[in-house]
Amino acid sequence: MPYAAGSWEQLPVPLKATGLPEKFSNLKLLVVDDEAYNRMLFRTILDRWKVRYEEASDGLKALELLKSSPFDLVFMDVRMPGLDGLKTTAIIRNKLGKTQADLPVIGFSATQNPKEQEECRLAGMNAFLRKPFSEEMLVQVIHSVLESGTKKSVDLSSLYHLANHDVPFIKQML
């Protein structure tokens, strides 16, 4: 059955690079995906944003790149042949010693299965991005991961009140 003809007016308007948060311009990203089409989509967006990045077509190549060059953020396809995104992320966390704060990993997949998203979290991924994604979704997930990695002050007034200002107790609780 043929598809109805579309029009150029129906296409979404891409985000302007100038509308991106300033901190994006200093990032170096690693995109890991076995599908050339998905890497091309990332490449198109990241080139427009003028963000530095490298690509890997599988988990083993990603690990080689991570050992030889620093990255600020990794986009990791969850389902790849060979060393998939879950196993690769677990190696990043456990063998390379990169914490979620050191090197955020954003898993992505076409799944809508909450179980797979939980597997991503357990493997050490910071966030999940569902395919197909829009440029706006990409901005939001990067922003959320970067914001969660920033140090925030903690209000200890409730703890001081609860402990009746007992400093040794407060130190023990902390």
Protein backbone atom coordinates (compact mmCIF):
# COMPACT_ATOMS: atom_id res chain seq x y z
CA MET A 1 0.00 0.00 0.00
CA PRO A 2 1.57 3.34 -0.99
CA TYR A 3 2.17 6.05 1.59
CA ALA A 4 0.50 9.45 1.35
CA ALA A 5 2.74 12.23 0.08
CA GLY A 6 4.10 14.54 2.75
CA SER A 7 5.13 18.14 2.56
CA TRP A 8 8.23 20.06 3.69
CA GLU A 9 6.07 22.08 6.08
CA GLN A 10 5.39 18.90 8.11
CA LEU A 11 9.07 18.39 8.94
CA PRO A 12 10.17 19.52 12.41
CA VAL A 13 12.33 22.60 12.58
CA PRO A 14 15.84 21.66 13.80
CA LEU A 15 17.17 23.34 16.91
CA LYS A 16 19.61 26.16 16.28
CA ALA A 17 23.12 25.47 17.55
CA THR A 18 23.06 28.86 19.25
CA GLY A 19 20.11 27.70 21.37
CA LEU A 20 22.16 24.95 22.98
CA PRO A 21 23.49 25.29 26.50
CA GLU A 22 27.01 26.74 26.50
CA LYS A 23 28.46 23.71 28.27
CA PHE A 24 27.57 21.45 25.31
CA SER A 25 30.18 23.13 23.12
CA ASN A 26 33.03 21.90 25.32
CA LEU A 27 31.92 18.27 25.41
CA LYS A 28 33.60 15.33 23.75
CA LEU A 29 31.13 12.51 23.11
CA LEU A 30 31.44 8.88 22.13
CA VAL A 31 28.62 7.38 20.06
CA VAL A 32 28.48 3.58 20.12
CA ASP A 33 26.05 1.88 17.72
CA ASP A 34 26.32 -1.02 15.30
CA GLU A 35 23.85 0.61 12.89
CA ALA A 36 25.44 3.05 10.43
CA TYR A 37 22.12 4.87 10.06
CA ASN A 38 21.96 5.69 13.78
CA ARG A 39 25.58 6.88 13.80
CA MET A 40 24.77 9.08 10.80
CA LEU A 41 21.83 10.61 12.69
CA PHE A 42 24.07 11.43 15.67
CA ARG A 43 26.79 12.73 13.32
CA THR A 44 24.34 15.06 11.57
CA ILE A 45 23.09 16.55 14.84
CA LEU A 46 26.48 16.77 16.55
CA ASP A 47 28.13 18.35 13.50
CA ARG A 48 25.43 21.03 13.44
CA TRP A 49 25.99 21.62 17.16
CA LYS A 50 29.76 21.78 16.57
CA VAL A 51 30.33 19.22 19.34
CA ARG A 52 33.42 17.00 19.24
CA TYR A 53 32.70 13.27 19.04
CA GLU A 54 34.01 9.90 17.95
CA GLU A 55 32.11 6.84 16.81
CA ALA A 56 32.40 3.14 17.56
CA SER A 57 30.47 0.41 15.79
CA ASP A 58 30.67 -2.06 18.68
CA GLY A 59 31.48 -2.43 22.36
CA LEU A 60 35.07 -3.60 21.86
CA LYS A 61 35.98 -0.60 19.72
CA ALA A 62 34.29 1.67 22.29
CA LEU A 63 36.45 0.23 25.08
CA GLU A 64 39.61 0.76 22.98
CA LEU A 65 38.65 4.41 22.40
CA LEU A 66 37.84 4.94 26.08
CA LYS A 67 41.26 3.57 27.10
CA SER A 68 43.10 5.87 24.70
CA SER A 69 41.13 9.12 24.86
CA PRO A 70 39.05 11.01 27.45
CA PHE A 71 35.33 11.52 26.84
CA ASP A 72 32.72 13.51 28.72
CA LEU A 73 29.69 11.44 27.77
CA VAL A 74 28.88 8.15 26.01
CA PHE A 75 25.79 7.27 23.98
CA MET A 76 25.54 3.48 24.08
CA ASP A 77 23.25 1.33 21.96
CA VAL A 78 21.81 -1.29 24.29
CA ARG A 79 21.41 -4.09 21.74
CA MET A 80 24.46 -4.78 19.58
CA PRO A 81 25.92 -8.06 18.35
CA GLY A 82 28.95 -9.31 20.25
CA LEU A 83 29.65 -7.09 23.23
CA ASP A 84 26.33 -5.31 23.73
CA GLY A 85 25.78 -1.98 25.46
CA LEU A 86 24.88 -3.51 28.82
CA LYS A 87 28.09 -5.56 29.02
CA THR A 88 30.20 -2.71 27.66
CA THR A 89 28.82 -0.31 30.28
CA ALA A 90 29.44 -2.86 33.05
CA ILE A 91 33.09 -3.11 31.90
CA ILE A 92 33.37 0.69 31.86
CA ARG A 93 32.12 0.81 35.44
CA ASN A 94 33.82 -2.27 36.91
CA LYS A 95 37.07 -2.77 34.97
CA LEU A 96 37.87 0.74 33.75
CA GLY A 97 36.74 2.19 37.07
CA LYS A 98 34.69 5.02 35.54
CA THR A 99 31.86 6.03 37.87
CA GLN A 100 28.57 7.50 36.67
CA ALA A 101 29.86 10.93 37.66
CA ASP A 102 33.22 10.39 35.91
CA LEU A 103 31.72 9.23 32.63
CA PRO A 104 27.96 9.40 32.14
CA VAL A 105 26.56 6.72 29.82
CA ILE A 106 23.22 7.23 28.11
CA GLY A 107 21.75 4.00 26.83
CA PHE A 108 19.46 4.06 23.84
CA SER A 109 17.19 1.49 22.25
CA ALA A 110 13.90 1.19 20.43
CA THR A 111 12.40 -0.74 23.34
CA GLN A 112 9.52 0.43 25.43
CA ASN A 113 10.04 -2.43 27.85
CA PRO A 114 10.54 -1.16 31.43
CA LYS A 115 12.54 -4.35 32.21
CA GLU A 116 15.19 -3.43 29.63
CA GLN A 117 15.35 0.11 30.96
CA GLU A 118 15.92 -1.34 34.45
CA GLU A 119 18.71 -3.56 33.02
CA CYS A 120 20.33 -0.38 31.70
CA ARG A 121 20.23 1.20 35.14
CA LEU A 122 21.66 -1.94 36.76
CA ALA A 123 24.49 -2.07 34.20
CA GLY A 124 25.49 1.45 35.27
CA MET A 125 23.87 3.66 32.66
CA ASN A 126 22.91 7.13 33.85
CA ALA A 127 19.90 7.61 31.59
CA PHE A 128 17.89 6.04 28.79
CA LEU A 129 16.93 7.50 25.42
CA ARG A 130 14.29 5.76 23.33
CA LYS A 131 14.72 5.49 19.56
CA PRO A 132 13.63 7.11 17.40
CA PHE A 133 14.64 10.30 19.15
CA SER A 134 14.35 13.94 18.22
CA GLU A 135 16.99 16.61 18.54
CA GLU A 136 15.00 18.09 21.43
CA MET A 137 14.99 14.72 23.23
CA LEU A 138 18.75 14.55 22.77
CA VAL A 139 19.22 18.00 24.31
CA GLN A 140 16.98 17.07 27.24
CA VAL A 141 18.76 13.82 28.07
CA ILE A 142 22.22 15.42 27.85
CA HIS A 143 21.06 18.28 30.03
CA SER A 144 19.52 15.92 32.62
CA VAL A 145 22.69 13.83 32.87
CA LEU A 146 24.96 16.86 33.13
CA GLU A 147 22.72 18.47 35.77
CA SER A 148 22.54 15.29 37.85
CA GLY A 149 26.34 15.14 37.85
CA THR A 150 26.77 18.61 39.29
CA LYS A 151 27.39 18.86 43.00
CA LYS A 152 24.46 20.29 44.89
CA SER A 153 24.46 21.54 48.42
CA VAL A 154 22.45 19.59 50.94
CA ASP A 155 20.28 21.27 53.53
CA LEU A 156 21.22 19.68 56.84
CA SER A 157 18.93 21.81 58.99
CA SER A 158 16.45 18.96 59.49
CA LEU A 159 19.22 16.62 60.59
CA TYR A 160 20.58 19.22 63.04
CA HIS A 161 17.07 19.74 64.42
CA LEU A 162 16.40 16.02 64.71
CA ALA A 163 19.76 15.45 66.44
CA ASN A 164 19.25 18.43 68.73
CA HIS A 165 22.59 19.76 67.44
CA ASP A 166 24.48 16.67 68.69
CA VAL A 167 27.56 17.05 66.44
CA PRO A 168 29.05 13.56 67.04
CA PHE A 169 25.67 12.02 66.11
CA ILE A 170 25.42 14.21 63.01
CA LYS A 171 28.94 13.21 61.90
CA GLN A 172 28.07 9.55 62.39
CA MET A 173 24.88 9.93 60.34
CA LEU A 174 26.76 11.67 57.55
